[in-house]
PDB file of N, CA and C in Angstrom:
ATOM      1  N   UNK A   1     -16.735-159.366  21.927  1.00  0.00           N
ATOM      2  CA  UNK A   1     -15.918-158.285  22.603  1.00  0.00           C
ATOM      3  C   UNK A   1     -16.645-157.714  24.003  1.00  0.00           C
ATOM      4  N   UNK A   2     -16.175-157.833  25.243  1.00  0.00           N
ATOM      5  CA  UNK A   2     -16.885-157.433  26.268  1.00  0.00           C
ATOM      6  C   UNK A   2     -16.780-155.964  26.514  1.00  0.00           C
ATOM      7  N   UNK A   3     -17.592-155.264  27.572  1.00  0.00           N
ATOM      8  CA  UNK A   3     -17.831-153.939  27.544  1.00  0.00           C
ATOM      9  C   UNK A   3     -16.832-153.326  27.962  1.00  0.00           C
ATOM     10  N   UNK A   4     -15.650-153.675  28.730  1.00  0.00           N
ATOM     11  CA  UNK A   4     -14.191-153.008  28.937  1.00  0.00           C
ATOM     12  C   UNK A   4     -13.492-152.957  27.389  1.00  0.00           C
ATOM     13  N   UNK A   5     -13.513-153.745  26.919  1.00  0.00           N
ATOM     14  CA  UNK A   5     -12.838-153.698  25.806  1.00  0.00           C
ATOM     15  C   UNK A   5     -13.436-152.884  24.878  1.00  0.00           C
ATOM     16  N   UNK A   6     -14.676-152.538  24.802  1.00  0.00           N
ATOM     17  CA  UNK A   6     -15.279-151.896  23.721  1.00  0.00           C
ATOM     18  C   UNK A   6     -15.067-150.000  24.479  1.00  0.00           C
ATOM     19  N   UNK A   7     -15.066-150.085  25.606  1.00  0.00           N
ATOM     20  CA  UNK A   7     -14.534-148.637  26.188  1.00  0.00           C
ATOM     21  C   UNK A   7     -13.370-148.302  25.806  1.00  0.00           C
ATOM     22  N   UNK A   8     -12.431-149.459  26.124  1.00  0.00           N
ATOM     23  CA  UNK A   8     -10.997-149.021  25.952  1.00  0.00           C
ATOM     24  C   UNK A   8     -10.695-148.625  24.394  1.00  0.00           C
ATOM     25  N   UNK A   9     -11.151-149.466  23.447  1.00  0.00           N
ATOM     26  CA  UNK A   9     -11.285-149.032  21.917  1.00  0.00           C
ATOM     27  C   UNK A   9     -11.547-147.501  21.807  1.00  0.00           C
ATOM     28  N   UNK A  10     -12.843-147.467  22.364  1.00  0.00           N
ATOM     29  CA  UNK A  10     -13.325-146.093  22.252  1.00  0.00           C
ATOM     30  C   UNK A  10     -12.082-144.907  22.711  1.00  0.00           C
ATOM     31  N   UNK A  11     -11.830-145.141  23.997  1.00  0.00           N
ATOM     32  CA  UNK A  11     -11.028-144.264  24.398  1.00  0.00           C
ATOM     33  C   UNK A  11      -9.507-143.943  23.955  1.00  0.00           C
ATOM     34  N   UNK A  12      -9.251-145.223  23.203  1.00  0.00           N
ATOM     35  CA  UNK A  12      -7.981-145.068  22.489  1.00  0.00           C
ATOM     36  C   UNK A  12      -8.123-144.446  21.191  1.00  0.00           C
ATOM     37  N   UNK A  13      -9.339-143.988  20.709  1.00  0.00           N
ATOM     38  CA  UNK A  13      -9.327-143.154  19.636  1.00  0.00           C
ATOM     39  C   UNK A  13      -9.548-141.405  19.974  1.00  0.00           C
ATOM     40  N   UNK A  14      -9.385-141.324  21.301  1.00  0.00           N
ATOM     41  CA  UNK A  14      -9.150-139.927  21.653  1.00  0.00           C
ATOM     42  C   UNK A  14      -7.751-139.585  21.746  1.00  0.00           C
ATOM     43  N   UNK A  15      -7.435-138.202  21.691  1.00  0.00           N
ATOM     44  CA  UNK A  15      -5.890-137.761  21.557  1.00  0.00           C
ATOM     45  C   UNK A  15      -5.626-137.865  22.873  1.00  0.00           C
ATOM     46  N   UNK A  16      -4.120-137.709  22.867  1.00  0.00           N
ATOM     47  CA  UNK A  16      -3.293-138.063  24.240  1.00  0.00           C
ATOM     48  C   UNK A  16      -4.134-136.797  25.273  1.00  0.00           C
ATOM     49  N   UNK A  17      -4.227-135.782  25.005  1.00  0.00           N
ATOM     50  CA  UNK A  17      -4.755-134.785  25.779  1.00  0.00           C
ATOM     51  C   UNK A  17      -5.950-135.241  26.370  1.00  0.00           C
ATOM     52  N   UNK A  18      -6.887-135.530  25.590  1.00  0.00           N
ATOM     53  CA  UNK A  18      -8.375-136.128  26.003  1.00  0.00           C
ATOM     54  C   UNK A  18      -8.274-137.078  26.863  1.00  0.00           C
ATOM     55  N   UNK A  19      -7.308-138.218  26.535  1.00  0.00           N
ATOM     56  CA  UNK A  19      -7.032-139.184  27.419  1.00  0.00           C
ATOM     57  C   UNK A  19      -6.682-138.987  28.945  1.00  0.00           C
ATOM     58  N   UNK A  20      -5.797-137.956  28.921  1.00  0.00           N
ATOM     59  CA  UNK A  20      -5.114-137.709  30.018  1.00  0.00           C
ATOM     60  C   UNK A  20      -6.498-136.970  30.880  1.00  0.00           C
ATOM     61  N   UNK A  21      -7.072-136.043  30.451  1.00  0.00           N
ATOM     62  CA  UNK A  21      -8.132-135.311  31.054  1.00  0.00           C
ATOM     63  C   UNK A  21      -9.047-136.387  31.354  1.00  0.00           C
ATOM     64  N   UNK A  22      -9.432-137.522  30.627  1.00  0.00           N
ATOM     65  CA  UNK A  22     -10.521-138.559  30.983  1.00  0.00           C
ATOM     66  C   UNK A  22      -9.843-139.168  32.186  1.00  0.00           C
ATOM     67  N   UNK A  23      -8.650-139.542  32.402  1.00  0.00           N
ATOM     68  CA  UNK A  23      -7.904-140.144  33.552  1.00  0.00           C
ATOM     69  C   UNK A  23      -8.087-139.248  34.778  1.00  0.00           C
ATOM     70  N   UNK A  24      -7.961-138.086  34.601  1.00  0.00           N
ATOM     71  CA  UNK A  24      -8.073-137.155  35.833  1.00  0.00           C
ATOM     72  C   UNK A  24      -9.508-137.218  36.403  1.00  0.00           C
ATOM     73  N   UNK A  25     -10.382-137.193  35.524  1.00  0.00           N
ATOM     74  CA  UNK A  25     -11.796-136.939  35.860  1.00  0.00           C
ATOM     75  C   UNK A  25     -12.371-138.430  36.432  1.00  0.00           C
ATOM     76  N   UNK A  26     -11.727-139.466  35.865  1.00  0.00           N
ATOM     77  CA  UNK A  26     -12.052-140.867  36.497  1.00  0.00           C
ATOM     78  C   UNK A  26     -11.454-141.058  37.971  1.00  0.00           C
ATOM     79  N   UNK A  27     -10.204-140.499  38.090  1.00  0.00           N
ATOM     80  CA  UNK A  27      -9.699-140.495  39.475  1.00  0.00           C
ATOM     81  C   UNK A  27     -10.271-139.654  40.302  1.00  0.00           C
ATOM     82  N   UNK A  28     -10.872-138.446  40.113  1.00  0.00           N
ATOM     83  CA  UNK A  28     -11.397-137.658  40.805  1.00  0.00           C
ATOM     84  C   UNK A  28     -12.836-138.326  41.225  1.00  0.00           C
ATOM     85  N   UNK A  29     -13.515-139.075  40.339  1.00  0.00           N
ATOM     86  CA  UNK A  29     -14.711-139.514  40.550  1.00  0.00           C
ATOM     87  C   UNK A  29     -14.614-140.750  41.493  1.00  0.00           C
ATOM     88  N   UNK A  30     -13.468-141.574  41.492  1.00  0.00           N
ATOM     89  CA  UNK A  30     -13.434-142.665  42.032  1.00  0.00           C
ATOM     90  C   UNK A  30     -12.897-142.224  43.722  1.00  0.00           C
ATOM     91  N   UNK A  31     -12.170-141.333  43.376  1.00  0.00           N
ATOM     92  CA  UNK A  31     -11.926-140.564  44.926  1.00  0.00           C
ATOM     93  C   UNK A  31     -13.391-140.179  45.564  1.00  0.00           C
ATOM     94  N   UNK A  32     -14.031-139.400  44.967  1.00  0.00           N
ATOM     95  CA  UNK A  32     -15.525-139.084  45.788  1.00  0.00           C
ATOM     96  C   UNK A  32     -16.225-140.159  45.911  1.00  0.00           C
ATOM     97  N   UNK A  33     -16.263-141.352  45.293  1.00  0.00           N
ATOM     98  CA  UNK A  33     -17.179-142.511  45.328  1.00  0.00           C
ATOM     99  C   UNK A  33     -16.675-143.101  46.714  1.00  0.00           C
ATOM    100  N   UNK A  34     -15.329-143.215  46.572  1.00  0.00           N
ATOM    101  CA  UNK A  34     -14.753-143.913  47.836  1.00  0.00           C
ATOM    102  C   UNK A  34     -15.005-143.039  49.258  1.00  0.00           C
ATOM    103  N   UNK A  35     -14.823-141.623  49.357  1.00  0.00           N
ATOM    104  CA  UNK A  35     -15.295-140.888  50.255  1.00  0.00           C
ATOM    105  C   UNK A  35     -16.692-140.970  50.498  1.00  0.00           C
ATOM    106  N   UNK A  36     -17.766-141.102  49.644  1.00  0.00           N
ATOM    107  CA  UNK A  36     -19.150-141.484  50.155  1.00  0.00           C
ATOM    108  C   UNK A  36     -19.201-142.742  50.640  1.00  0.00           C
ATOM    109  N   UNK A  37     -18.444-143.789  50.266  1.00  0.00           N
ATOM    110  CA  UNK A  37     -18.411-144.915  50.881  1.00  0.00           C
ATOM    111  C   UNK A  37     -17.888-145.102  52.387  1.00  0.00           C
ATOM    112  N   UNK A  38     -17.116-144.405  52.530  1.00  0.00           N
ATOM    113  CA  UNK A  38     -16.433-144.227  53.822  1.00  0.00           C
ATOM    114  C   UNK A  38     -17.681-143.545  54.758  1.00  0.00           C
ATOM    115  N   UNK A  39     -18.154-142.686  54.293  1.00  0.00           N
ATOM    116  CA  UNK A  39     -19.269-141.810  54.953  1.00  0.00           C
ATOM    117  C   UNK A  39     -20.532-142.556  55.107  1.00  0.00           C
ATOM    118  N   UNK A  40     -20.715-143.435  54.171  1.00  0.00           N
ATOM    119  CA  UNK A  40     -21.863-144.233  54.423  1.00  0.00           C
ATOM    120  C   UNK A  40     -21.500-145.421  55.653  1.00  0.00           C
ATOM    121  N   UNK A  41     -20.451-145.927  55.443  1.00  0.00           N
ATOM    122  CA  UNK A  41     -19.700-146.942  56.466  1.00  0.00           C
ATOM    123  C   UNK A  41     -19.842-146.521  57.835  1.00  0.00           C
ATOM    124  N   UNK A  42     -19.209-145.200  58.025  1.00  0.00           N
ATOM    125  CA  UNK A  42     -19.207-144.616  59.267  1.00  0.00           C
ATOM    126  C   UNK A  42     -20.666-144.123  59.750  1.00  0.00           C
ATOM    127  N   UNK A  43     -21.581-143.760  59.080  1.00  0.00           N
ATOM    128  CA  UNK A  43     -22.818-143.561  59.476  1.00  0.00           C
ATOM    129  C   UNK A  43     -23.539-144.730  59.902  1.00  0.00           C
ATOM    130  N   UNK A  44     -23.269-145.745  59.341  1.00  0.00           N
ATOM    131  CA  UNK A  44     -23.956-147.297  59.673  1.00  0.00           C
ATOM    132  C   UNK A  44     -23.404-147.618  61.085  1.00  0.00           C
ATOM    133  N   UNK A  45     -21.939-147.329  61.296  1.00  0.00           N
ATOM    134  CA  UNK A  45     -21.199-147.787  62.440  1.00  0.00           C
ATOM    135  C   UNK A  45     -21.773-146.771  63.520  1.00  0.00           C
ATOM    136  N   UNK A  46     -22.061-145.671  63.423  1.00  0.00           N
ATOM    137  CA  UNK A  46     -22.782-144.790  64.463  1.00  0.00           C
ATOM    138  C   UNK A  46     -24.171-145.130  64.832  1.00  0.00           C
ATOM    139  N   UNK A  47     -24.813-145.592  63.613  1.00  0.00           N
ATOM    140  CA  UNK A  47     -26.155-146.018  64.086  1.00  0.00           C
ATOM    141  C   UNK A  47     -25.927-147.184  64.912  1.00  0.00           C
ATOM    142  N   UNK A  48     -25.422-148.249  64.495  1.00  0.00           N
ATOM    143  CA  UNK A  48     -25.173-149.454  65.107  1.00  0.00           C
ATOM    144  C   UNK A  48     -24.594-149.488  66.496  1.00  0.00           C
ATOM    145  N   UNK A  49     -23.672-148.360  66.723  1.00  0.00           N
ATOM    146  CA  UNK A  49     -23.347-147.919  68.160  1.00  0.00           C
ATOM    147  C   UNK A  49     -24.492-147.602  69.050  1.00  0.00           C
ATOM    148  N   UNK A  50     -25.048-146.592  68.416  1.00  0.00           N
ATOM    149  CA  UNK A  50     -26.151-145.966  69.145  1.00  0.00           C
ATOM    150  C   UNK A  50     -27.448-146.982  69.586  1.00  0.00           C
ATOM    151  N   UNK A  51     -27.488-147.867  68.668  1.00  0.00           N
ATOM    152  CA  UNK A  51     -28.439-148.867  68.850  1.00  0.00           C
ATOM    153  C   UNK A  51     -28.030-149.909  69.795  1.00  0.00           C
ATOM    154  N   UNK A  52     -26.470-150.039  70.243  1.00  0.00           N
ATOM    155  CA  UNK A  52     -25.945-150.961  71.129  1.00  0.00           C
ATOM    156  C   UNK A  52     -25.568-152.384  70.462  1.00  0.00           C
ATOM    157  N   UNK A  53     -25.454-152.374  69.253  1.00  0.00           N
ATOM    158  CA  UNK A  53     -24.949-153.414  68.376  1.00  0.00           C
ATOM    159  C   UNK A  53     -23.375-153.493  68.319  1.00  0.00           C
ATOM    160  N   UNK A  54     -22.786-152.471  68.651  1.00  0.00           N
ATOM    161  CA  UNK A  54     -21.568-152.322  68.778  1.00  0.00           C
ATOM    162  C   UNK A  54     -20.979-151.803  70.355  1.00  0.00           C
ATOM    163  N   UNK A  55     -20.049-152.443  70.913  1.00  0.00           N
ATOM    164  CA  UNK A  55     -19.622-151.928  72.283  1.00  0.00           C
ATOM    165  C   UNK A  55     -18.102-151.399  72.118  1.00  0.00           C
ATOM    166  N   UNK A  56     -17.885-150.487  73.007  1.00  0.00           N
ATOM    167  CA  UNK A  56     -16.802-149.661  73.022  1.00  0.00           C
ATOM    168  C   UNK A  56     -15.397-150.791  73.281  1.00  0.00           C
ATOM    169  N   UNK A  57     -14.497-150.415  72.815  1.00  0.00           N
ATOM    170  CA  UNK A  57     -13.251-151.460  73.189  1.00  0.00           C
ATOM    171  C   UNK A  57     -11.975-150.438  73.082  1.00  0.00           C
ATOM    172  N   UNK A  58     -11.123-151.153  73.864  1.00  0.00           N
ATOM    173  CA  UNK A  58     -10.020-150.332  73.846  1.00  0.00           C
ATOM    174  C   UNK A  58      -8.932-150.537  72.672  1.00  0.00           C
ATOM    175  N   UNK A  59      -8.154-149.682  72.326  1.00  0.00           N
ATOM    176  CA  UNK A  59      -7.308-150.225  71.447  1.00  0.00           C
ATOM    177  C   UNK A  59      -6.445-151.696  71.418  1.00  0.00           C
ATOM    178  N   UNK A  60      -6.107-151.831  72.830  1.00  0.00           N
ATOM    179  CA  UNK A  60      -5.444-153.365  72.957  1.00  0.00           C
ATOM    180  C   UNK A  60      -6.287-154.305  72.539  1.00  0.00           C
ATOM    181  N   UNK A  61      -7.681-154.195  73.068  1.00  0.00           N
ATOM    182  CA  UNK A  61      -8.608-155.256  72.740  1.00  0.00           C
ATOM    183  C   UNK A  61      -8.697-155.519  71.344  1.00  0.00           C
ATOM    184  N   UNK A  62      -8.802-154.295  70.463  1.00  0.00           N
ATOM    185  CA  UNK A  62      -9.095-154.455  68.926  1.00  0.00           C
ATOM    186  C   UNK A  62      -7.584-155.285  68.399  1.00  0.00           C
ATOM    187  N   UNK A  63      -6.546-154.700  68.689  1.00  0.00           N
ATOM    188  CA  UNK A  63      -5.317-155.133  68.189  1.00  0.00           C
ATOM    189  C   UNK A  63      -5.247-156.633  68.583  1.00  0.00           C
ATOM    190  N   UNK A  64      -5.628-157.108  69.815  1.00  0.00           N
ATOM    191  CA  UNK A  64      -5.599-158.341  70.149  1.00  0.00           C
ATOM    192  C   UNK A  64      -6.398-159.327  69.166  1.00  0.00           C
ATOM    193  N   UNK A  65      -7.697-158.794  68.970  1.00  0.00           N
ATOM    194  CA  UNK A  65      -8.565-159.574  68.039  1.00  0.00           C
ATOM    195  C   UNK A  65      -8.089-159.521  66.600  1.00  0.00           C
ATOM    196  N   UNK A  66      -7.545-158.452  66.178  1.00  0.00           N
ATOM    197  CA  UNK A  66      -6.815-158.431  65.049  1.00  0.00           C
ATOM    198  C   UNK A  66      -5.798-159.421  64.733  1.00  0.00           C
ATOM    199  N   UNK A  67      -4.834-159.541  65.638  1.00  0.00           N
ATOM    200  CA  UNK A  67      -3.730-160.563  65.771  1.00  0.00           C
ATOM    201  C   UNK A  67      -4.217-161.746  65.607  1.00  0.00           C
ATOM    202  N   UNK A  68      -5.087-162.100  66.111  1.00  0.00           N
ATOM    203  CA  UNK A  68      -5.863-163.604  66.269  1.00  0.00           C
ATOM    204  C   UNK A  68      -6.491-164.213  65.296  1.00  0.00           C
ATOM    205  N   UNK A  69      -6.624-163.080  64.013  1.00  0.00           N
ATOM    206  CA  UNK A  69      -7.471-163.567  62.935  1.00  0.00           C
ATOM    207  C   UNK A  69      -6.378-164.354  62.089  1.00  0.00           C
TER     208      UNK A  69
END
C-alpha cells in the first residue's frame, strides 16, 4: 500500500465534519503555497531583469512568440 492509500484510509476514519475541516485546511495551505511560489518566481524574474538576463518586450511581441509555439 502506498503513502496516499494510507493517508486516505486514515482520513476516511475521521467523521464527516473533520474531513470537511481537513479539506478546508488543505485548500488554504495549497493556496498559500501557490502564492509563495508565484512570489518566488516574480522575485527571480525581477532579479533576472535587473541583471539584464531578460529584455523588455511589447505585448504584441510576446503574443507573437506565444502564437509561434
